């Protein structure tokens, strides 16, 4: 039985007439009594002025259910009615999503102003969706052509059901394609502090990648930068084969967590169609921060840097859903905002152990106008040796060695204390330094392919 049939049966079996009352509010949560619903259920709180807000059940304490509102909870009073809307969250998806911008709940947003598009109901569909159309987790079937419903939460593919990654994917960025080659279904992190070009790098990858479908999750992003990313970095060509999911920094933490999960669910939908999907998420750190806010609110004990245990449980659960399956692949690239440029801070350290490689962006390179500011010796692709020709791997190792050499002797070179001929390998690296720097630099409007990057790399080394 397919997941859509199961969801339809669940909606008909579990009663939606379960109600409760508001007992109290505590910080950003609402406590309701007499409301026996499962964690993850969606509820509506009807206030006395006839307005309402939606909230998700995130836990229990004694005889009360703890709800996290999806909107500001101004106007809530003790005794307000709480009504169950939906027990199991799901998304309505379809190929018509391509080129669209969605919010964390799967609703389409307009390009200008990000106002919600009002769906058009027919009499027939109005009756079917009356109880769930306000849930915020789905949109009517008429919005997308050839739609289907998928579970919001899915288990990661089993380990023995994952084929080996055997083919490379072109990102369109020379430094990555040549020296940090990625495979279809690989998961990699882009680690950097603030303001060193993460969003610009993602925009280049979106425009020049050879992936079939691109899913972009902007989690906790500044509102101003969302439109900048869509118009400047993504562009019209990138939009045609992309789905963008947005949750800005001013939205409730539950929606910022939802945005990352929605982006992953959408990527899974296209992967199951046999597509080669590229998932870009900016950023995984803000996803962790949002879950930290939720966890501390419901009383979880803080651990490293104040992060509760649920954060370190949700990170692997999220990233393991990506990768290659027998149907298709999700190549995932997650940006990780490193606090204080400390590569060993808790989230960066945890994520680095979960992924198949990491790309480190250097503030020093960015300060010298070297873009993309990829620190090649500090970055690695763990699958490069498995998916690349031996000649390509050897050339990449040679170039990485040259970069490391001139950095090692940088102080001696700065004071003219090095005598040419002392170190032949260093002499060769210095002779080719200018060509290497030109190769690693790439303008945002300068396209590249995997084949071109490998050819230029081998020419430099030879």
Protein backbone atom coordinates (compact mmCIF):
# COMPACT_ATOMS: atom_id res chain seq x y z
CA UNK A 1 0.00 0.00 0.00
CA UNK A 2 1.44 3.39 -0.96
CA UNK A 3 1.99 6.17 1.63
CA UNK A 4 -0.80 8.34 0.18
CA UNK A 5 -3.41 5.62 0.81
CA UNK A 6 -2.16 5.18 4.36
CA UNK A 7 -2.43 8.91 5.04
CA UNK A 8 -5.97 9.03 3.65
CA UNK A 9 -6.96 6.11 5.90
CA UNK A 10 -5.34 7.75 8.91
CA UNK A 11 -7.34 10.94 8.37
CA UNK A 12 -10.56 8.90 8.30
CA UNK A 13 -9.73 6.66 11.29
CA UNK A 14 -8.43 9.17 13.83
CA UNK A 15 -11.15 11.59 14.96
CA UNK A 16 -10.49 15.27 14.40
CA UNK A 17 -13.13 16.33 16.94
CA UNK A 18 -10.71 16.08 19.86
CA UNK A 19 -10.70 19.33 21.80
CA UNK A 20 -9.09 20.79 24.89
CA UNK A 21 -8.62 24.13 26.64
CA UNK A 22 -5.71 26.46 27.20
CA UNK A 23 -4.37 26.09 30.74
CA UNK A 24 -1.42 28.49 30.65
CA UNK A 25 1.38 29.92 28.53
CA UNK A 26 5.05 29.51 29.36
CA UNK A 27 7.51 31.52 27.31
CA UNK A 28 6.85 30.62 23.68
CA UNK A 29 4.73 27.54 24.46
CA UNK A 30 1.07 26.94 25.25
CA UNK A 31 -0.10 24.29 27.72
CA UNK A 32 -3.48 22.68 27.03
CA UNK A 33 -5.42 20.32 29.29
CA UNK A 34 -7.83 17.61 28.22
CA UNK A 35 -6.10 17.29 24.84
CA UNK A 36 -4.86 13.69 24.34
CA UNK A 37 -3.22 13.90 20.91
CA UNK A 38 0.14 12.57 19.68
CA UNK A 39 3.37 14.53 19.41
CA UNK A 40 3.57 16.18 16.00
CA UNK A 41 -0.18 16.75 15.75
CA UNK A 42 -1.39 20.11 14.48
CA UNK A 43 -3.95 22.04 16.51
CA UNK A 44 -5.97 25.22 16.17
CA UNK A 45 -6.48 27.57 19.11
CA UNK A 46 -9.70 29.55 18.79
CA UNK A 47 -9.65 32.81 20.71
CA UNK A 48 -12.58 34.78 22.04
CA UNK A 49 -12.37 37.43 19.35
CA UNK A 50 -13.03 34.62 16.81
CA UNK A 51 -9.48 34.72 15.51
CA UNK A 52 -7.29 31.63 15.67
CA UNK A 53 -3.69 30.49 15.51
CA UNK A 54 -2.13 27.13 14.73
CA UNK A 55 0.30 25.23 16.92
CA UNK A 56 2.13 21.92 16.93
CA UNK A 57 2.20 19.50 19.85
CA UNK A 58 5.85 19.08 20.88
CA UNK A 59 5.53 17.21 24.17
CA UNK A 60 3.63 16.51 27.38
CA UNK A 61 4.01 17.32 31.04
CA UNK A 62 1.78 15.59 33.59
CA UNK A 63 -1.76 15.89 32.19
CA UNK A 64 -1.08 18.79 29.82
CA UNK A 65 -0.02 18.92 26.19
CA UNK A 66 2.71 21.39 25.25
CA UNK A 67 2.08 23.25 22.00
CA UNK A 68 4.44 25.47 20.03
CA UNK A 69 2.57 28.16 18.05
CA UNK A 70 3.26 28.70 14.36
CA UNK A 71 2.26 32.38 14.67
CA UNK A 72 2.59 35.06 17.35
CA UNK A 73 0.37 34.09 20.28
CA UNK A 74 -0.95 37.51 21.12
CA UNK A 75 -4.51 37.49 22.48
CA UNK A 76 -4.51 33.98 23.96
CA UNK A 77 -6.38 33.60 27.23
CA UNK A 78 -6.85 30.86 29.77
CA UNK A 79 -9.78 28.68 28.73
CA UNK A 80 -9.50 29.25 24.97
CA UNK A 81 -10.60 26.23 22.95
CA UNK A 82 -7.99 23.97 21.35
CA UNK A 83 -9.06 21.73 18.45
CA UNK A 84 -7.17 18.95 16.68
CA UNK A 85 -6.69 19.65 12.97
CA UNK A 86 -4.32 16.95 11.80
CA UNK A 87 -2.56 14.05 13.47
CA UNK A 88 0.05 13.12 10.86
CA UNK A 89 1.71 15.88 8.80
CA UNK A 90 2.01 15.41 5.05
CA UNK A 91 2.90 17.45 2.00
CA UNK A 92 1.20 17.85 -1.35
CA UNK A 93 3.87 17.71 -4.05
CA UNK A 94 4.10 17.59 -7.83
CA UNK A 95 6.26 18.53 -10.79
CA UNK A 96 4.52 21.91 -10.82
CA UNK A 97 6.64 22.83 -7.79
CA UNK A 98 9.60 23.56 -10.07
CA UNK A 99 10.25 27.29 -10.27
CA UNK A 100 8.19 27.97 -7.14
CA UNK A 101 9.08 29.42 -3.75
CA UNK A 102 7.43 27.64 -0.80
CA UNK A 103 7.24 28.39 2.88
CA UNK A 104 8.09 25.89 5.60
CA UNK A 105 4.56 24.47 5.50
CA UNK A 106 4.60 23.80 1.76
CA UNK A 107 2.48 26.77 0.73
CA UNK A 108 3.43 28.72 -2.40
CA UNK A 109 4.80 32.21 -1.93
CA UNK A 110 4.69 34.97 -4.51
CA UNK A 111 7.97 36.33 -5.83
CA UNK A 112 7.18 39.90 -4.82
CA UNK A 113 6.56 40.43 -1.15
CA UNK A 114 6.21 36.70 -0.45
CA UNK A 115 2.46 36.94 0.05
CA UNK A 116 0.59 33.67 0.23
CA UNK A 117 -1.26 32.76 -2.95
CA UNK A 118 -4.93 32.13 -2.18
CA UNK A 119 -5.85 28.66 -3.46
CA UNK A 120 -8.95 28.18 -5.58
CA UNK A 121 -11.34 25.56 -4.26
CA UNK A 122 -14.08 23.78 -6.11
CA UNK A 123 -17.19 22.65 -4.24
CA UNK A 124 -16.01 19.05 -4.37
CA UNK A 125 -12.51 19.66 -3.07
CA UNK A 126 -13.74 22.17 -0.50
CA UNK A 127 -15.64 19.41 1.27
CA UNK A 128 -12.67 17.03 1.18
CA UNK A 129 -10.11 19.51 2.46
CA UNK A 130 -12.24 21.61 4.83
CA UNK A 131 -10.79 19.98 7.93
CA UNK A 132 -7.17 20.13 6.79
CA UNK A 133 -6.86 23.09 4.43
CA UNK A 134 -5.90 25.35 7.35
CA UNK A 135 -3.33 22.93 8.65
CA UNK A 136 -0.42 24.74 7.10
CA UNK A 137 1.19 21.45 6.08
CA UNK A 138 -0.44 21.06 2.68
CA UNK A 139 -1.89 22.96 -0.22
CA UNK A 140 -4.85 21.97 -2.38
CA UNK A 141 -4.29 19.49 -5.19
CA UNK A 142 -5.28 22.13 -7.77
CA UNK A 143 -2.17 24.17 -6.99
CA UNK A 144 0.22 21.65 -8.59
CA UNK A 145 -0.54 19.51 -11.62
CA UNK A 146 -0.41 15.71 -11.15
CA UNK A 147 0.00 15.95 -7.42
CA UNK A 148 0.35 13.36 -4.72
CA UNK A 149 0.64 13.39 -0.95
CA UNK A 150 3.82 12.26 0.76
CA UNK A 151 4.67 11.76 4.44
CA UNK A 152 6.40 14.67 6.04
CA UNK A 153 8.65 12.39 8.09
CA UNK A 154 10.35 9.43 6.46
CA UNK A 155 12.95 7.01 7.68
CA UNK A 156 16.35 7.07 6.03
CA UNK A 157 17.03 4.36 3.44
CA UNK A 158 18.47 1.20 4.99
CA UNK A 159 22.24 0.82 4.80
CA UNK A 160 22.11 -2.28 2.60
CA UNK A 161 19.68 -0.59 0.20
CA UNK A 162 22.16 2.14 -0.72
CA UNK A 163 24.14 1.46 -3.92
CA UNK A 164 27.75 2.58 -3.97
CA UNK A 165 28.40 6.06 -5.32
CA UNK A 166 30.20 5.59 -8.62
CA UNK A 167 29.70 8.68 -10.79
CA UNK A 168 30.74 12.31 -10.34
CA UNK A 169 28.45 15.33 -10.38
CA UNK A 170 29.47 18.65 -11.90
CA UNK A 171 28.95 21.65 -9.62
CA UNK A 172 30.21 24.23 -12.10
CA UNK A 173 32.85 25.46 -9.63
CA UNK A 174 36.37 24.61 -10.86
CA UNK A 175 37.99 24.33 -7.44
CA UNK A 176 35.37 21.81 -6.31
CA UNK A 177 35.11 19.80 -9.53
CA UNK A 178 38.87 19.48 -9.98
CA UNK A 179 40.21 19.15 -6.44
CA UNK A 180 37.18 18.13 -4.33
CA UNK A 181 35.18 16.10 -6.84
CA UNK A 182 31.75 15.10 -5.54
CA UNK A 183 29.71 12.02 -6.43
CA UNK A 184 26.00 11.70 -7.16
CA UNK A 185 24.48 11.03 -3.74
CA UNK A 186 27.37 12.41 -1.69
CA UNK A 187 26.78 14.64 1.35
CA UNK A 188 29.18 17.48 1.97
CA UNK A 189 29.33 20.49 4.28
CA UNK A 190 30.39 24.04 3.42
CA UNK A 191 31.98 25.40 6.61
CA UNK A 192 32.57 29.12 7.08
CA UNK A 193 32.07 32.10 9.32
CA UNK A 194 29.66 34.85 8.37
CA UNK A 195 30.28 36.98 5.32
CA UNK A 196 32.77 34.89 3.36
CA UNK A 197 30.61 34.04 0.35
CA UNK A 198 28.54 30.95 1.22
CA UNK A 199 25.36 32.20 -0.49
CA UNK A 200 27.27 33.34 -3.58
CA UNK A 201 28.94 29.94 -3.85
CA UNK A 202 25.56 28.21 -3.59
CA UNK A 203 24.21 30.48 -6.33
CA UNK A 204 27.06 29.45 -8.66
CA UNK A 205 26.38 25.78 -7.97
CA UNK A 206 22.66 26.21 -8.69
CA UNK A 207 23.26 27.87 -12.04
CA UNK A 208 26.06 25.66 -13.35
CA UNK A 209 25.36 22.24 -11.83
CA UNK A 210 24.24 19.40 -14.11
CA UNK A 211 21.68 18.06 -11.59
CA UNK A 212 18.18 17.29 -12.88
CA UNK A 213 16.37 19.05 -10.02
CA UNK A 214 17.67 21.46 -7.38
CA UNK A 215 15.97 21.89 -4.00
CA UNK A 216 17.11 24.86 -1.91
CA UNK A 217 16.30 25.27 1.77
CA UNK A 218 16.89 28.75 3.19
CA UNK A 219 16.64 28.17 6.95
CA UNK A 220 16.71 31.17 9.29
CA UNK A 221 17.91 33.48 6.52
CA UNK A 222 17.63 37.26 6.75
CA UNK A 223 14.50 38.46 4.97
CA UNK A 224 16.41 40.91 2.79
CA UNK A 225 18.80 38.24 1.57
CA UNK A 226 16.05 35.88 0.44
CA UNK A 227 15.03 38.12 -2.46
CA UNK A 228 18.68 38.91 -3.17
CA UNK A 229 19.41 35.20 -3.46
CA UNK A 230 16.45 34.60 -5.77
CA UNK A 231 17.21 37.47 -8.14
CA UNK A 232 21.00 37.83 -7.94
CA UNK A 233 22.38 34.39 -7.11
CA UNK A 234 19.69 32.05 -8.44
CA UNK A 235 18.59 33.96 -11.53
CA UNK A 236 15.92 33.06 -14.07
CA UNK A 237 17.79 30.03 -15.43
CA UNK A 238 18.39 28.57 -11.99
CA UNK A 239 14.74 29.05 -11.01
CA UNK A 240 13.41 26.88 -13.84
CA UNK A 241 14.65 23.62 -12.32
CA UNK A 242 14.62 24.62 -8.67
CA UNK A 243 12.27 24.49 -5.71
CA UNK A 244 13.04 27.00 -2.95
CA UNK A 245 11.80 26.55 0.64
CA UNK A 246 12.09 29.62 2.86
CA UNK A 247 11.82 30.23 6.61
CA UNK A 248 13.25 33.60 7.63
CA UNK A 249 14.94 34.36 10.94
CA UNK A 250 11.89 36.14 12.37
CA UNK A 251 9.62 33.09 12.00
CA UNK A 252 9.00 30.76 14.96
CA UNK A 253 11.66 28.15 15.66
CA UNK A 254 9.25 25.33 14.78
CA UNK A 255 8.96 26.68 11.23
CA UNK A 256 12.73 26.97 10.85
CA UNK A 257 13.02 23.32 11.80
CA UNK A 258 10.15 22.49 9.44
CA UNK A 259 11.85 24.29 6.52
CA UNK A 260 14.83 21.91 6.64
CA UNK A 261 12.55 18.88 6.88
CA UNK A 262 10.27 20.13 4.09
CA UNK A 263 13.24 20.68 1.77
CA UNK A 264 14.44 17.15 2.48
CA UNK A 265 10.96 15.68 1.85
CA UNK A 266 10.67 17.52 -1.48
CA UNK A 267 14.12 16.25 -2.52
CA UNK A 268 13.05 12.70 -1.61
CA UNK A 269 9.96 13.03 -3.83
CA UNK A 270 12.02 13.90 -6.90
CA UNK A 271 14.64 11.25 -6.05
CA UNK A 272 11.94 8.58 -6.00
CA UNK A 273 11.07 9.63 -9.56
CA UNK A 274 14.56 8.60 -10.63
CA UNK A 275 16.00 12.12 -10.71
CA UNK A 276 19.49 13.22 -9.81
CA UNK A 277 18.62 15.82 -7.15
CA UNK A 278 20.90 18.46 -5.66
CA UNK A 279 19.82 19.59 -2.19
CA UNK A 280 21.35 22.85 -0.94
CA UNK A 281 20.58 23.87 2.64
CA UNK A 282 21.63 27.19 4.17
CA UNK A 283 22.16 26.60 6.96
CA UNK A 284 22.31 23.46 9.05
CA UNK A 285 23.54 25.52 12.00
CA UNK A 286 20.36 27.60 12.10
CA UNK A 287 18.34 24.37 11.97
CA UNK A 288 20.24 23.22 15.08
CA UNK A 289 19.76 26.59 16.78
CA UNK A 290 16.01 26.44 16.16
CA UNK A 291 15.80 22.95 17.65
CA UNK A 292 17.88 24.14 20.60
CA UNK A 293 15.27 26.84 21.24
CA UNK A 294 12.48 24.27 21.14
CA UNK A 295 14.34 21.72 23.28
CA UNK A 296 15.22 24.18 26.02
CA UNK A 297 11.64 25.46 26.02
CA UNK A 298 10.22 22.04 26.90
CA UNK A 299 12.83 21.44 29.58
CA UNK A 300 15.59 19.40 27.93
CA UNK A 301 18.93 19.61 29.76
CA UNK A 302 21.54 21.72 27.94
CA UNK A 303 24.81 20.05 26.98
CA UNK A 304 27.63 21.42 24.80
CA UNK A 305 27.17 25.15 24.12
CA UNK A 306 23.64 24.87 25.47
CA UNK A 307 22.49 22.40 22.80
CA UNK A 308 20.07 19.77 24.18
CA UNK A 309 20.34 16.07 23.28
CA UNK A 310 17.51 16.31 20.71
CA UNK A 311 19.72 18.44 18.44
CA UNK A 312 22.40 15.74 18.20
CA UNK A 313 19.67 13.15 17.54
CA UNK A 314 17.93 15.17 14.81
CA UNK A 315 21.08 16.08 12.84
CA UNK A 316 21.93 12.51 11.75
CA UNK A 317 18.23 11.72 11.25
CA UNK A 318 17.99 14.61 8.79
CA UNK A 319 21.19 14.13 6.79
CA UNK A 320 20.84 10.34 6.55
CA UNK A 321 17.62 10.80 4.56
CA UNK A 322 19.70 12.04 1.64
CA UNK A 323 22.09 10.03 -0.50
CA UNK A 324 21.76 7.51 -3.29
CA UNK A 325 19.05 4.85 -3.55
CA UNK A 326 18.07 2.35 -6.22
CA UNK A 327 15.64 4.88 -7.68
CA UNK A 328 17.76 8.06 -7.80
CA UNK A 329 20.11 10.21 -5.77
CA UNK A 330 20.17 13.29 -3.54
CA UNK A 331 23.52 15.05 -3.52
CA UNK A 332 23.33 17.24 -0.41
CA UNK A 333 25.38 20.33 0.38
CA UNK A 334 24.85 21.87 3.81
CA UNK A 335 26.31 25.18 4.90
CA UNK A 336 27.56 25.24 8.47
CA UNK A 337 27.93 28.63 10.13
CA UNK A 338 31.06 28.31 12.27
CA UNK A 339 30.89 30.49 15.38
CA UNK A 340 34.01 32.58 15.77
CA UNK A 341 35.67 30.69 12.88
CA UNK A 342 36.18 27.80 15.32
CA UNK A 343 36.07 24.61 13.27
CA UNK A 344 35.75 22.51 16.44
CA UNK A 345 32.61 24.13 17.83
CA UNK A 346 29.90 21.51 18.64
CA UNK A 347 27.69 21.66 15.55
CA UNK A 348 30.60 21.88 13.10
CA UNK A 349 32.39 19.03 14.84
CA UNK A 350 29.27 16.83 14.85
CA UNK A 351 28.29 17.54 11.26
CA UNK A 352 31.81 16.93 9.95
CA UNK A 353 31.61 13.39 11.30
CA UNK A 354 28.24 12.78 9.62
CA UNK A 355 29.09 13.95 6.10
CA UNK A 356 31.21 12.58 3.27
CA UNK A 357 33.47 15.60 3.02
CA UNK A 358 33.80 19.24 3.91
CA UNK A 359 34.62 22.46 2.05
CA UNK A 360 36.22 25.13 4.21
CA UNK A 361 35.82 28.79 3.20
CA UNK A 362 38.68 30.99 4.41
CA UNK A 363 38.11 34.51 5.72
CA UNK A 364 41.74 35.31 4.86
CA UNK A 365 41.18 34.40 1.20
CA UNK A 366 37.94 36.37 1.11
CA UNK A 367 39.74 39.41 2.54
CA UNK A 368 42.22 39.22 -0.35
CA UNK A 369 39.35 39.16 -2.90
CA UNK A 370 39.95 35.49 -3.72
CA UNK A 371 36.52 34.07 -4.61
CA UNK A 372 35.27 31.48 -4.14
CA UNK A 373 37.29 31.54 -0.92
CA UNK A 374 37.85 27.77 -0.79
CA UNK A 375 40.76 26.70 1.38
CA UNK A 376 41.83 23.68 -0.67
CA UNK A 377 44.32 22.06 1.78
CA UNK A 378 41.74 22.30 4.60
CA UNK A 379 38.96 20.74 2.48
CA UNK A 380 38.39 17.15 1.43
CA UNK A 381 36.03 14.93 -0.53
CA UNK A 382 36.06 11.45 0.99
CA UNK A 383 34.74 9.81 -2.18
CA UNK A 384 37.03 11.43 -4.73
CA UNK A 385 39.40 8.47 -4.96
CA UNK A 386 36.47 6.12 -5.64
CA UNK A 387 34.82 8.08 -8.47
CA UNK A 388 37.74 9.68 -10.34
CA UNK A 389 40.38 8.40 -12.73
CA UNK A 390 43.81 7.78 -11.23
CA UNK A 391 45.37 10.46 -13.42
CA UNK A 392 42.83 13.00 -12.12
CA UNK A 393 43.46 12.02 -8.49
CA UNK A 394 47.22 12.23 -8.98
CA UNK A 395 46.98 15.68 -10.59
CA UNK A 396 44.75 16.94 -7.77
CA UNK A 397 47.21 15.67 -5.15
CA UNK A 398 50.10 17.36 -6.93
CA UNK A 399 48.32 20.72 -7.02
CA UNK A 400 47.25 20.46 -3.37
CA UNK A 401 50.87 19.71 -2.48
CA UNK A 402 52.03 22.84 -4.33
CA UNK A 403 49.56 25.03 -2.46
CA UNK A 404 50.65 23.57 0.89
CA UNK A 405 54.31 24.11 0.04
CA UNK A 406 54.14 27.81 -0.69
CA UNK A 407 51.98 28.36 2.39
CA UNK A 408 54.53 26.50 4.54
CA UNK A 409 57.36 28.73 3.32
CA UNK A 410 55.25 31.89 3.18
CA UNK A 411 57.11 33.66 6.00
CA UNK A 412 60.53 32.98 4.45
CA UNK A 413 59.33 34.17 1.07
CA UNK A 414 57.93 37.37 2.57
CA UNK A 415 61.34 38.42 3.89
CA UNK A 416 63.29 37.10 0.85
CA UNK A 417 65.07 34.54 3.05
CA UNK A 418 64.55 31.66 0.63
CA UNK A 419 67.25 30.91 -1.96
CA UNK A 420 66.02 29.49 -5.24
CA UNK A 421 67.22 25.94 -5.86
CA UNK A 422 67.18 24.92 -2.21
CA UNK A 423 63.87 23.10 -2.61
CA UNK A 424 63.08 22.01 -6.20
CA UNK A 425 59.46 21.14 -5.35
CA UNK A 426 58.93 24.61 -3.91
CA UNK A 427 60.55 26.17 -6.98
CA UNK A 428 58.06 24.37 -9.20
CA UNK A 429 55.16 25.47 -6.99
CA UNK A 430 56.28 29.10 -7.11
CA UNK A 431 56.65 29.00 -10.87
CA UNK A 432 53.06 27.81 -11.24
CA UNK A 433 51.57 29.86 -8.42
CA UNK A 434 50.02 32.51 -10.64
CA UNK A 435 48.38 29.95 -12.92
CA UNK A 436 47.08 28.04 -9.91
CA UNK A 437 45.55 31.15 -8.32
CA UNK A 438 43.87 32.09 -11.61
CA UNK A 439 42.51 28.55 -11.85
CA UNK A 440 41.08 28.61 -8.32
CA UNK A 441 39.48 32.03 -8.76
CA UNK A 442 36.20 32.09 -10.63
CA UNK A 443 33.74 34.91 -11.27
CA UNK A 444 30.08 34.29 -10.53
CA UNK A 445 29.22 34.77 -14.22
CA UNK A 446 31.93 32.36 -15.41
CA UNK A 447 30.48 28.92 -16.15
CA UNK A 448 32.54 25.75 -16.01
CA UNK A 449 32.05 22.02 -16.42
CA UNK A 450 33.63 18.99 -14.78
CA UNK A 451 35.48 18.03 -17.95
CA UNK A 452 36.87 21.54 -18.43
CA UNK A 453 38.03 21.72 -14.81
CA UNK A 454 39.88 18.39 -15.04
CA UNK A 455 41.52 19.37 -18.34
CA UNK A 456 42.79 22.69 -16.94
CA UNK A 457 44.03 20.97 -13.79
CA UNK A 458 46.09 18.44 -15.74
CA UNK A 459 47.54 21.18 -17.97
CA UNK A 460 48.77 23.10 -14.91
CA UNK A 461 50.35 20.06 -13.29
CA UNK A 462 52.01 18.84 -16.49
